[in-house]
Amino acid sequence: MVDITNKQCEICKIFSNSSRVKILLTLRNKPQTVSSIVKKTNLSQSVVSQHLAILRNKEIVEDSKEGSWITYKIKYPEIMDAFDIMRKVTKKIKGER
């Protein structure tokens, strides 16, 4: 039980960065290249690459090479279910104050 709890906390820490959240929301519906993510998030190429490396190392996203392009996608799409729940809770909390 402790191992899964620690892993869950580790994943939550990964999602506590707004740049990583923006990247994951961009990847929500389809795989994207770094340049596409940069355009959609208004983050710099170096920031996007840095956070994709973190997400890849933590097995949240995976990459694949298509010709000279590398595309990234969410490895476990169920992650977005957690995002949706957090968004609903956030809206409720914001509405209560």
Protein backbone atom coordinates (compact mmCIF):
# COMPACT_ATOMS: atom_id res chain seq x y z
CA MET A 1 0.00 0.00 0.00
CA VAL A 2 2.81 2.42 0.83
CA ASP A 3 4.44 1.96 -2.58
CA ILE A 4 1.27 2.86 -4.48
CA THR A 5 0.61 5.79 -2.14
CA ASN A 6 4.12 7.12 -2.70
CA LYS A 7 3.73 6.71 -6.47
CA GLN A 8 0.42 8.55 -6.37
CA CYS A 9 2.04 11.44 -4.48
CA GLU A 10 4.89 11.49 -7.00
CA ILE A 11 2.42 11.74 -9.88
CA CYS A 12 0.51 14.53 -8.15
CA LYS A 13 3.76 16.48 -7.78
CA ILE A 14 4.35 16.13 -11.51
CA PHE A 15 0.92 17.66 -12.15
CA SER A 16 1.54 20.59 -9.80
CA ASN A 17 3.35 22.54 -12.52
CA SER A 18 1.16 24.70 -14.77
CA SER A 19 3.43 24.25 -17.79
CA ARG A 20 3.11 20.46 -17.56
CA VAL A 21 -0.66 20.77 -17.18
CA LYS A 22 -0.82 22.96 -20.31
CA ILE A 23 1.26 20.40 -22.21
CA LEU A 24 -0.94 17.51 -21.12
CA LEU A 25 -4.11 19.40 -22.01
CA THR A 26 -2.61 20.01 -25.46
CA LEU A 27 -1.87 16.30 -25.81
CA ARG A 28 -5.33 15.34 -24.61
CA ASN A 29 -6.92 14.61 -28.00
CA LYS A 30 -4.02 13.64 -30.23
CA PRO A 31 -0.25 13.23 -30.39
CA GLN A 32 1.67 16.44 -31.00
CA THR A 33 5.17 17.53 -31.97
CA VAL A 34 7.18 19.91 -29.81
CA SER A 35 6.63 22.73 -32.29
CA SER A 36 2.88 22.17 -32.21
CA ILE A 37 2.86 22.16 -28.41
CA VAL A 38 4.90 25.39 -28.40
CA LYS A 39 2.36 27.10 -30.66
CA LYS A 40 -0.65 25.92 -28.67
CA THR A 41 0.74 26.67 -25.20
CA ASN A 42 2.78 29.83 -25.87
CA LEU A 43 5.62 28.23 -23.91
CA SER A 44 9.17 28.38 -25.23
CA GLN A 45 10.64 25.41 -27.04
CA SER A 46 13.16 24.85 -24.25
CA VAL A 47 10.46 24.87 -21.57
CA VAL A 48 8.30 22.42 -23.53
CA SER A 49 11.25 20.10 -24.16
CA GLN A 50 12.31 20.22 -20.52
CA HIS A 51 8.84 19.35 -19.25
CA LEU A 52 8.29 16.66 -21.87
CA ALA A 53 11.52 15.03 -20.68
CA ILE A 54 10.18 15.00 -17.11
CA LEU A 55 6.83 13.61 -18.24
CA ARG A 56 8.56 10.97 -20.37
CA ASN A 57 10.92 9.93 -17.56
CA LYS A 58 7.95 9.53 -15.22
CA GLU A 59 6.11 7.48 -17.88
CA ILE A 60 3.28 9.97 -18.25
CA VAL A 61 3.93 10.57 -21.96
CA GLU A 62 5.64 8.53 -24.61
CA ASP A 63 7.24 9.53 -27.86
CA SER A 64 7.45 8.03 -31.30
CA LYS A 65 9.49 9.00 -34.31
CA GLU A 66 7.71 9.58 -37.61
CA GLY A 67 10.25 10.46 -40.25
CA SER A 68 12.22 13.38 -38.89
CA TRP A 69 9.47 14.34 -36.42
CA ILE A 70 9.06 13.13 -32.86
CA THR A 71 5.51 13.12 -31.59
CA TYR A 72 4.40 12.87 -27.99
CA LYS A 73 1.23 11.39 -26.59
CA ILE A 74 -0.23 10.66 -23.19
CA LYS A 75 0.70 7.13 -22.25
CA TYR A 76 -2.34 6.57 -20.03
CA PRO A 77 -5.34 8.56 -21.31
CA GLU A 78 -7.13 7.88 -18.00
CA ILE A 79 -4.95 10.65 -16.58
CA MET A 80 -7.30 13.12 -18.22
CA ASP A 81 -10.17 11.72 -16.15
CA ALA A 82 -8.30 12.89 -13.07
CA PHE A 83 -7.82 16.31 -14.68
CA ASP A 84 -11.57 16.53 -15.37
CA ILE A 85 -12.40 15.66 -11.76
CA MET A 86 -9.94 18.25 -10.45
CA ARG A 87 -11.41 20.89 -12.77
CA LYS A 88 -14.94 20.16 -11.47
CA VAL A 89 -13.79 20.35 -7.86
CA THR A 90 -11.82 23.54 -8.54
CA LYS A 91 -14.90 25.19 -10.09
CA LYS A 92 -17.00 24.17 -7.06
CA ILE A 93 -14.44 25.51 -4.61
CA LYS A 94 -14.08 28.73 -6.58
CA GLY A 95 -17.87 29.11 -6.70
CA GLU A 96 -18.23 28.59 -2.94
CA ARG A 97 -15.93 31.46 -2.03
